[in-house]
Amino acid sequence: MREPPIVIIGAGTVGLAVGWRLAEAGERVVLFEKERAGRGASWQAAGMLAPDAEIGFEELDLYALSRESLRRWPAFADELEDASGQQVDLRTEGTFVVADDPDSANALRRLFEFQKEQGLGVDWLTPEAALESEPFLAPRLAAAVFAPSDHQVDNRRLVQALRTAFERAGGELHEDTPVPSVHPGNEGGNEPPAVTTAGDDGNAERVEARAVVVAAGVGTRDIDGLEEAPAVRPVKGQMIELQAKRPFALEHVVRGPDAYLAPKSDGRLLVGATSEERGFDTRVTAGGLFELLEGARQVVPGVDELEVTGAWAGLRPAARDNAPLLGESGRPGIVMATGHYRHGVLLTPVTADEIAHLVLDGETSHWIEAFSPKRLLT
């Protein structure tokens, strides 16, 4: 009789990457996805890897985790491209954070001073110096900071490569298979954890597991048997896709006060993103699109002439404190890897490595100790 598999719930970048790491270590891994693999928040993101530009004044633990994950990204991308035979378009040009009026310039100065206090290698630039490096910035900017260490990746290529690598390593992927409930093991270890799946035919099936990794994003709320489920909420983010054509050629990610712009190598220019506490609402609204386009044109006026080729609204999974849930849950045999909020793509390498280490060796690394799901149960 074969040993039960490691079961993963959710096939976004995190679930696929954890599964790939476990499968390449020789483990039998079964991954259940309620819809199509990689088509949730991972597909609807912008792929920015920007901990320096996005550092928060009260999020130093999260910054440390994000910076460590960024450090791992180049090797992770190389390994993934070798394993999948596909490119993920990791770009390392850096990020411009810009201000367009005196108030936003004052806010940017406070951020810059905080960044320097933390030892970040960021540079304060005059508007003239910023324009010399990125000519498509607005000529009347008030101030700019350049974060040279920030990167970006094509998140859609990423999910496709992760799926290929996972399956090539022997992972078993079941799409259109919701997991409505999990069943923890017992403290003694003689009763393994399990999940109940529901396929297209409506028949429920109980699947025993060596361990269950929950990487279900906003779908975490729908899983019975998780004490942490109510702590994960959806945060709506609307985004616009433009098609850049010569002579317009933005080379860097640009973050303005009200929008960011992320140029991709295939000519797409992503403009995002709203942040709306509207539950599971995924409507694209006129107000949301206006907010983004107005914010974009204030800092990169050339977007006025670009063709709109898409718009969508995604749901980011956020915990009550907006930090991820990483590690052992309050139930035996259940491991959480969810609630990454705006940082799912950025945190994919460190999450995959440390959750795989926890499942295989039973040890929680210092990188994820501060993000124990149990913090929300006390």
Protein backbone atom coordinates (compact mmCIF):
# COMPACT_ATOMS: atom_id res chain seq x y z
CA MET A 1 0.00 0.00 0.00
CA ARG A 2 1.42 3.37 -1.03
CA GLU A 3 2.05 6.05 1.55
CA PRO A 4 -0.55 8.84 1.39
CA PRO A 5 0.49 11.82 -0.74
CA ILE A 6 1.18 15.34 0.35
CA VAL A 7 -1.98 17.24 -0.61
CA ILE A 8 -1.92 20.89 -1.65
CA ILE A 9 -5.07 22.98 -1.98
CA GLY A 10 -4.78 25.80 -4.51
CA ALA A 11 -2.79 26.06 -7.75
CA GLY A 12 -1.66 29.67 -7.78
CA THR A 13 2.02 30.54 -7.84
CA VAL A 14 2.43 29.57 -4.18
CA GLY A 15 0.66 26.21 -4.39
CA LEU A 16 2.40 25.27 -7.63
CA ALA A 17 5.82 26.32 -6.32
CA VAL A 18 5.43 24.43 -3.04
CA GLY A 19 4.27 21.40 -5.03
CA TRP A 20 7.21 21.67 -7.41
CA ARG A 21 9.72 21.85 -4.56
CA LEU A 22 8.18 18.80 -2.87
CA ALA A 23 7.86 16.80 -6.09
CA GLU A 24 11.45 17.49 -7.15
CA ALA A 25 12.48 16.21 -3.70
CA GLY A 26 10.92 12.87 -4.66
CA GLU A 27 7.63 13.23 -2.80
CA ARG A 28 4.26 12.15 -4.13
CA VAL A 29 2.24 15.37 -4.38
CA VAL A 30 -1.42 15.80 -5.30
CA LEU A 31 -2.65 19.34 -5.97
CA PHE A 32 -6.35 20.24 -6.07
CA GLU A 33 -7.53 23.45 -7.74
CA LYS A 34 -11.19 24.49 -7.66
CA GLU A 35 -11.02 26.19 -11.08
CA ARG A 36 -8.11 26.44 -13.55
CA ALA A 37 -4.52 26.38 -12.37
CA GLY A 38 -2.94 29.79 -11.95
CA ARG A 39 -5.99 31.78 -13.09
CA GLY A 40 -6.81 33.53 -9.80
CA ALA A 41 -4.86 36.33 -8.13
CA SER A 42 -1.61 35.03 -9.63
CA TRP A 43 -2.86 35.60 -13.18
CA GLN A 44 -4.41 38.98 -12.40
CA ALA A 45 -1.32 40.48 -10.74
CA ALA A 46 1.41 42.69 -12.21
CA GLY A 47 4.41 40.58 -11.19
CA MET A 48 6.30 43.31 -9.36
CA LEU A 49 9.11 42.22 -7.03
CA ALA A 50 9.55 45.52 -5.24
CA PRO A 51 10.17 45.28 -1.48
CA ASP A 52 12.30 48.44 -1.37
CA ALA A 53 9.71 50.61 -3.12
CA GLU A 54 6.81 49.12 -1.16
CA ILE A 55 8.32 49.01 2.34
CA GLY A 56 5.81 49.94 5.04
CA PHE A 57 6.61 51.95 8.15
CA GLU A 58 5.20 49.25 10.45
CA GLU A 59 5.96 46.14 8.36
CA LEU A 60 9.62 45.42 9.06
CA ASP A 61 9.12 41.67 9.57
CA LEU A 62 7.31 41.50 6.25
CA TYR A 63 10.02 43.59 4.61
CA ALA A 64 12.73 41.21 5.86
CA LEU A 65 10.83 38.23 4.45
CA SER A 66 10.21 40.05 1.17
CA ARG A 67 13.86 41.09 0.80
CA GLU A 68 14.99 37.51 1.44
CA SER A 69 12.56 36.24 -1.18
CA LEU A 70 13.83 38.82 -3.66
CA ARG A 71 17.39 37.63 -2.97
CA ARG A 72 16.30 34.11 -3.94
CA TRP A 73 14.45 35.16 -7.07
CA PRO A 74 17.30 35.01 -9.65
CA ALA A 75 18.29 31.45 -8.71
CA PHE A 76 14.63 30.44 -8.44
CA ALA A 77 13.93 31.80 -11.93
CA ASP A 78 16.97 30.03 -13.38
CA GLU A 79 15.96 26.71 -11.81
CA LEU A 80 12.39 27.09 -12.96
CA GLU A 81 13.34 27.95 -16.52
CA ASP A 82 15.63 24.90 -16.64
CA ALA A 83 12.95 22.64 -15.17
CA SER A 84 10.14 23.88 -17.39
CA GLY A 85 11.92 24.88 -20.58
CA GLN A 86 10.00 28.17 -20.45
CA GLN A 87 11.04 31.77 -19.82
CA VAL A 88 9.55 33.85 -16.99
CA ASP A 89 11.02 37.21 -18.07
CA LEU A 90 12.71 38.26 -14.83
CA ARG A 91 13.66 41.92 -15.30
CA THR A 92 16.07 43.82 -13.07
CA GLU A 93 15.90 47.45 -14.25
CA GLY A 94 14.68 48.79 -10.89
CA THR A 95 11.70 50.93 -9.89
CA PHE A 96 11.07 54.67 -9.95
CA VAL A 97 8.85 56.01 -7.16
CA VAL A 98 7.72 59.48 -8.18
CA ALA A 99 5.78 62.43 -6.78
CA ASP A 100 3.75 64.84 -8.89
CA ASP A 101 2.98 67.66 -6.44
CA PRO A 102 4.40 69.19 -3.21
CA ASP A 103 2.27 67.04 -0.90
CA SER A 104 3.28 63.76 -2.53
CA ALA A 105 6.89 64.99 -2.64
CA ASN A 106 6.82 65.52 1.13
CA ALA A 107 5.38 62.02 1.61
CA LEU A 108 8.06 60.60 -0.69
CA ARG A 109 10.79 62.39 1.28
CA ARG A 110 9.53 60.79 4.52
CA LEU A 111 9.53 57.38 2.82
CA PHE A 112 13.04 57.93 1.50
CA GLU A 113 14.37 58.90 4.92
CA PHE A 114 12.78 55.76 6.40
CA GLN A 115 14.27 53.65 3.60
CA LYS A 116 17.74 55.04 4.33
CA GLU A 117 17.29 54.42 8.08
CA GLN A 118 16.71 50.76 7.20
CA GLY A 119 19.87 50.65 5.10
CA LEU A 120 18.16 50.40 1.72
CA GLY A 121 20.21 51.23 -1.36
CA VAL A 122 17.79 53.77 -2.81
CA ASP A 123 18.63 57.11 -4.44
CA TRP A 124 16.94 60.50 -4.23
CA LEU A 125 16.84 62.03 -7.71
CA THR A 126 16.04 65.43 -9.06
CA PRO A 127 13.28 65.42 -11.67
CA GLU A 128 15.93 66.16 -14.30
CA ALA A 129 18.01 63.13 -13.32
CA ALA A 130 14.93 60.90 -13.29
CA LEU A 131 13.96 62.09 -16.78
CA GLU A 132 17.44 61.38 -18.07
CA SER A 133 17.11 57.74 -16.99
CA GLU A 134 13.42 57.34 -17.90
CA PRO A 135 12.46 59.87 -20.62
CA PHE A 136 8.76 58.97 -20.57
CA LEU A 137 8.23 60.32 -17.07
CA ALA A 138 6.23 63.53 -16.77
CA PRO A 139 8.52 66.57 -17.26
CA ARG A 140 7.08 68.40 -14.26
CA LEU A 141 7.59 65.80 -11.55
CA ALA A 142 8.15 67.12 -8.06
CA ALA A 143 10.57 64.41 -6.87
CA ALA A 144 11.74 60.86 -7.53
CA VAL A 145 13.36 57.94 -5.72
CA PHE A 146 15.07 55.12 -7.61
CA ALA A 147 15.13 51.61 -6.12
CA PRO A 148 17.71 49.74 -8.25
CA SER A 149 17.33 46.40 -6.45
CA ASP A 150 13.63 45.97 -7.21
CA HIS A 151 12.72 43.56 -10.02
CA GLN A 152 9.67 42.32 -11.88
CA VAL A 153 8.59 39.08 -13.56
CA ASP A 154 5.90 38.14 -16.07
CA ASN A 155 3.44 36.55 -13.66
CA ARG A 156 1.48 34.79 -16.41
CA ARG A 157 4.58 33.15 -17.82
CA LEU A 158 5.49 32.30 -14.23
CA VAL A 159 2.32 30.32 -13.52
CA GLN A 160 2.63 28.45 -16.81
CA ALA A 161 6.25 27.55 -16.10
CA LEU A 162 5.42 26.45 -12.55
CA ARG A 163 2.66 24.17 -13.80
CA THR A 164 5.01 22.57 -16.32
CA ALA A 165 7.81 22.13 -13.77
CA PHE A 166 5.41 20.65 -11.21
CA GLU A 167 4.01 18.11 -13.64
CA ARG A 168 7.43 17.24 -15.08
CA ALA A 169 8.63 16.52 -11.54
CA GLY A 170 5.81 14.00 -11.14
CA GLY A 171 3.22 16.19 -9.44
CA GLU A 172 -0.44 15.31 -9.94
CA LEU A 173 -2.75 18.24 -10.71
CA HIS A 174 -6.55 18.06 -10.49
CA GLU A 175 -8.33 21.14 -11.85
CA ASP A 176 -12.01 21.95 -11.37
CA THR A 177 -11.85 20.04 -8.09
CA PRO A 178 -12.92 22.07 -5.05
CA VAL A 179 -11.93 20.99 -1.55
CA PRO A 180 -14.87 21.93 0.68
CA SER A 181 -13.34 20.56 3.89
CA VAL A 182 -10.16 19.42 5.59
CA HIS A 183 -9.86 16.90 8.40
CA PRO A 184 -6.89 17.26 10.76
CA GLY A 185 -4.97 14.28 12.02
CA ASN A 186 -4.60 13.55 15.70
CA GLU A 187 -1.83 14.56 18.05
CA GLY A 188 -0.51 11.02 18.30
CA GLY A 189 0.01 10.78 14.57
CA ASN A 190 -1.84 7.48 14.13
CA GLU A 191 -4.69 9.16 12.26
CA PRO A 192 -3.52 11.08 9.18
CA PRO A 193 -5.03 14.33 7.98
CA ALA A 194 -7.37 14.21 5.01
CA VAL A 195 -9.37 16.37 2.62
CA THR A 196 -12.77 15.96 1.04
CA THR A 197 -12.90 16.81 -2.65
CA ALA A 198 -15.90 17.53 -4.87
CA GLY A 199 -15.51 16.86 -8.60
CA ASP A 200 -17.70 17.80 -11.56
CA ASP A 201 -19.95 14.81 -10.94
CA GLY A 202 -20.82 16.14 -7.48
CA ASN A 203 -19.48 13.06 -5.74
CA ALA A 204 -17.43 13.69 -2.60
CA GLU A 205 -14.20 11.78 -2.06
CA ARG A 206 -12.06 11.60 1.07
CA VAL A 207 -8.32 11.68 0.36
CA GLU A 208 -5.90 10.85 3.17
CA ALA A 209 -2.62 12.75 3.23
CA ARG A 210 0.78 12.80 4.89
CA ALA A 211 0.25 16.54 5.23
CA VAL A 212 -2.17 19.10 3.83
CA VAL A 213 -0.84 22.45 2.59
CA VAL A 214 -3.50 25.15 2.24
CA ALA A 215 -2.51 27.61 -0.51
CA ALA A 216 -6.04 28.49 -1.53
CA GLY A 217 -5.88 32.29 -1.47
CA VAL A 218 -9.31 33.86 -1.01
CA GLY A 219 -10.76 30.35 -1.34
CA THR A 220 -9.41 29.61 2.13
CA ARG A 221 -12.63 31.08 3.51
CA ASP A 222 -14.66 28.34 1.82
CA ILE A 223 -12.86 25.41 3.45
CA ASP A 224 -14.52 23.86 6.48
CA GLY A 225 -12.27 22.62 9.25
CA LEU A 226 -9.80 25.52 9.23
CA GLU A 227 -9.73 27.70 12.32
CA GLU A 228 -7.89 30.33 10.28
CA ALA A 229 -10.42 30.48 7.41
CA PRO A 230 -12.41 33.50 8.69
CA ALA A 231 -9.17 35.49 9.02
CA VAL A 232 -8.61 35.60 5.23
CA ARG A 233 -10.59 38.22 3.32
CA PRO A 234 -10.66 39.32 -0.33
CA VAL A 235 -9.35 42.76 -1.29
CA LYS A 236 -10.43 43.82 -4.77
CA GLY A 237 -7.88 45.22 -7.19
CA GLN A 238 -8.76 46.57 -10.62
CA MET A 239 -6.12 46.74 -13.35
CA ILE A 240 -5.81 47.94 -16.94
CA GLU A 241 -3.72 46.48 -19.77
CA LEU A 242 -2.39 48.85 -22.43
CA GLN A 243 -0.39 48.01 -25.55
CA ALA A 244 2.81 50.03 -25.83
CA LYS A 245 4.11 50.86 -29.31
CA ARG A 246 7.12 52.84 -30.50
CA PRO A 247 8.07 55.55 -29.90
CA PHE A 248 6.59 54.92 -26.42
CA ALA A 249 8.94 52.58 -24.59
CA LEU A 250 8.81 52.75 -20.79
CA GLU A 251 11.83 50.82 -19.47
CA HIS A 252 11.22 50.77 -15.70
CA VAL A 253 8.40 50.08 -13.30
CA VAL A 254 7.02 53.46 -12.22
CA ARG A 255 5.06 53.98 -9.00
CA GLY A 256 3.13 57.22 -8.68
CA PRO A 257 0.91 58.44 -5.83
CA ASP A 258 -2.23 56.90 -7.37
CA ALA A 259 -1.11 54.20 -9.82
CA TYR A 260 1.82 52.06 -10.88
CA LEU A 261 2.92 51.12 -14.40
CA ALA A 262 4.71 47.84 -15.16
CA PRO A 263 6.05 47.37 -18.72
CA LYS A 264 6.37 43.81 -19.99
CA SER A 265 8.76 42.54 -22.65
CA ASP A 266 5.90 41.57 -24.98
CA GLY A 267 4.72 45.19 -25.19
CA ARG A 268 1.98 45.05 -22.58
CA LEU A 269 1.87 47.87 -20.05
CA LEU A 270 -0.01 47.03 -16.86
CA VAL A 271 -1.57 49.87 -14.88
CA GLY A 272 -2.77 49.12 -11.37
CA ALA A 273 -4.20 48.78 -8.97
CA THR A 274 -7.14 49.84 -6.88
CA SER A 275 -7.52 48.52 -3.34
CA GLU A 276 -11.16 48.03 -2.42
CA GLU A 277 -12.80 46.31 0.53
CA ARG A 278 -15.80 45.04 -1.44
CA GLY A 279 -15.95 41.36 -0.61
CA PHE A 280 -16.06 39.06 -3.62
CA ASP A 281 -17.10 41.77 -6.09
CA THR A 282 -15.08 41.36 -9.31
CA ARG A 283 -16.84 43.98 -11.44
CA VAL A 284 -14.69 46.34 -13.48
CA THR A 285 -16.04 49.84 -12.82
CA ALA A 286 -15.81 53.17 -14.61
CA GLY A 287 -14.65 54.83 -11.40
CA GLY A 288 -11.88 52.31 -10.89
CA LEU A 289 -10.60 52.65 -14.45
CA PHE A 290 -10.76 56.45 -14.29
CA GLU A 291 -8.77 56.46 -11.05
CA LEU A 292 -6.04 54.29 -12.57
CA LEU A 293 -5.77 56.10 -15.90
CA GLU A 294 -5.75 59.52 -14.24
CA GLY A 295 -3.07 58.36 -11.80
CA ALA A 296 -0.99 56.91 -14.63
CA ARG A 297 -1.15 59.94 -16.92
CA GLN A 298 -0.08 62.26 -14.08
CA VAL A 299 3.33 60.56 -13.99
CA VAL A 300 3.63 59.07 -17.51
CA PRO A 301 1.54 61.29 -19.82
CA GLY A 302 2.36 59.19 -22.89
CA VAL A 303 -0.21 56.60 -21.83
CA ASP A 304 -2.91 58.85 -23.34
CA GLU A 305 -2.13 57.52 -26.82
CA LEU A 306 -1.93 53.82 -25.97
CA GLU A 307 -4.57 51.26 -26.90
CA VAL A 308 -6.55 49.70 -24.06
CA THR A 309 -6.39 45.93 -24.57
CA GLY A 310 -7.83 44.65 -21.32
CA ALA A 311 -9.19 45.38 -17.86
CA TRP A 312 -10.01 43.10 -14.96
CA ALA A 313 -10.57 42.91 -11.23
CA GLY A 314 -8.80 40.37 -9.06
CA LEU A 315 -9.16 39.39 -5.42
CA ARG A 316 -6.07 39.50 -3.21
CA PRO A 317 -6.13 37.21 -0.15
CA ALA A 318 -5.39 39.27 2.95
CA ALA A 319 -5.28 38.23 6.60
CA ARG A 320 -6.62 40.51 9.32
CA ASP A 321 -3.18 42.07 9.80
CA ASN A 322 -2.32 41.97 6.07
CA ALA A 323 0.60 39.60 6.68
CA PRO A 324 0.78 36.06 5.26
CA LEU A 325 -0.17 32.89 7.11
CA LEU A 326 2.87 30.61 6.91
CA GLY A 327 3.43 27.46 8.90
CA GLU A 328 1.61 24.94 11.05
CA SER A 329 -2.04 25.67 11.65
CA GLY A 330 -3.92 25.11 14.84
CA ARG A 331 -4.80 21.59 13.63
CA PRO A 332 -2.41 18.60 13.35
CA GLY A 333 -1.19 17.85 9.85
CA ILE A 334 -2.46 21.10 8.33
CA VAL A 335 0.07 23.66 7.05
CA MET A 336 -0.92 27.14 5.90
CA ALA A 337 0.65 29.01 2.97
CA THR A 338 -1.90 31.68 2.18
CA GLY A 339 -2.91 35.29 2.84
CA HIS A 340 -0.04 36.82 0.85
CA TYR A 341 -2.16 39.90 -0.01
CA ARG A 342 -0.22 42.09 -2.49
CA HIS A 343 2.99 40.06 -2.27
CA GLY A 344 2.12 36.58 -3.54
CA VAL A 345 4.41 36.61 -6.56
CA LEU A 346 7.26 38.28 -4.66
CA LEU A 347 7.05 35.81 -1.76
CA THR A 348 6.74 32.69 -3.92
CA PRO A 349 10.40 31.53 -3.68
CA VAL A 350 10.76 31.91 0.09
CA THR A 351 7.31 30.45 0.74
CA ALA A 352 8.00 27.44 -1.47
CA ASP A 353 11.38 26.75 0.12
CA GLU A 354 10.34 27.19 3.75
CA ILE A 355 6.97 25.42 3.54
CA ALA A 356 8.60 22.48 1.75
CA HIS A 357 11.27 22.41 4.48
CA LEU A 358 8.58 22.41 7.16
CA VAL A 359 6.63 19.57 5.52
CA LEU A 360 9.70 17.43 4.88
CA ASP A 361 11.70 18.06 8.06
CA GLY A 362 9.13 19.27 10.57
CA GLU A 363 11.11 22.43 11.27
CA THR A 364 9.85 26.01 11.10
CA SER A 365 12.63 28.28 9.85
CA HIS A 366 13.29 31.67 11.39
CA TRP A 367 12.17 33.30 8.16
CA ILE A 368 8.53 32.40 8.70
CA GLU A 369 8.26 32.28 12.51
CA ALA A 370 6.72 35.76 12.68
CA PHE A 371 3.96 34.69 10.29
CA SER A 372 2.63 31.69 12.18
CA PRO A 373 -1.11 31.26 11.57
CA LYS A 374 -1.50 30.68 15.30
CA ARG A 375 -0.98 34.42 15.91
CA LEU A 376 -4.56 34.98 14.75
CA LEU A 377 -6.01 32.31 17.02
CA THR A 378 -4.98 33.88 20.33
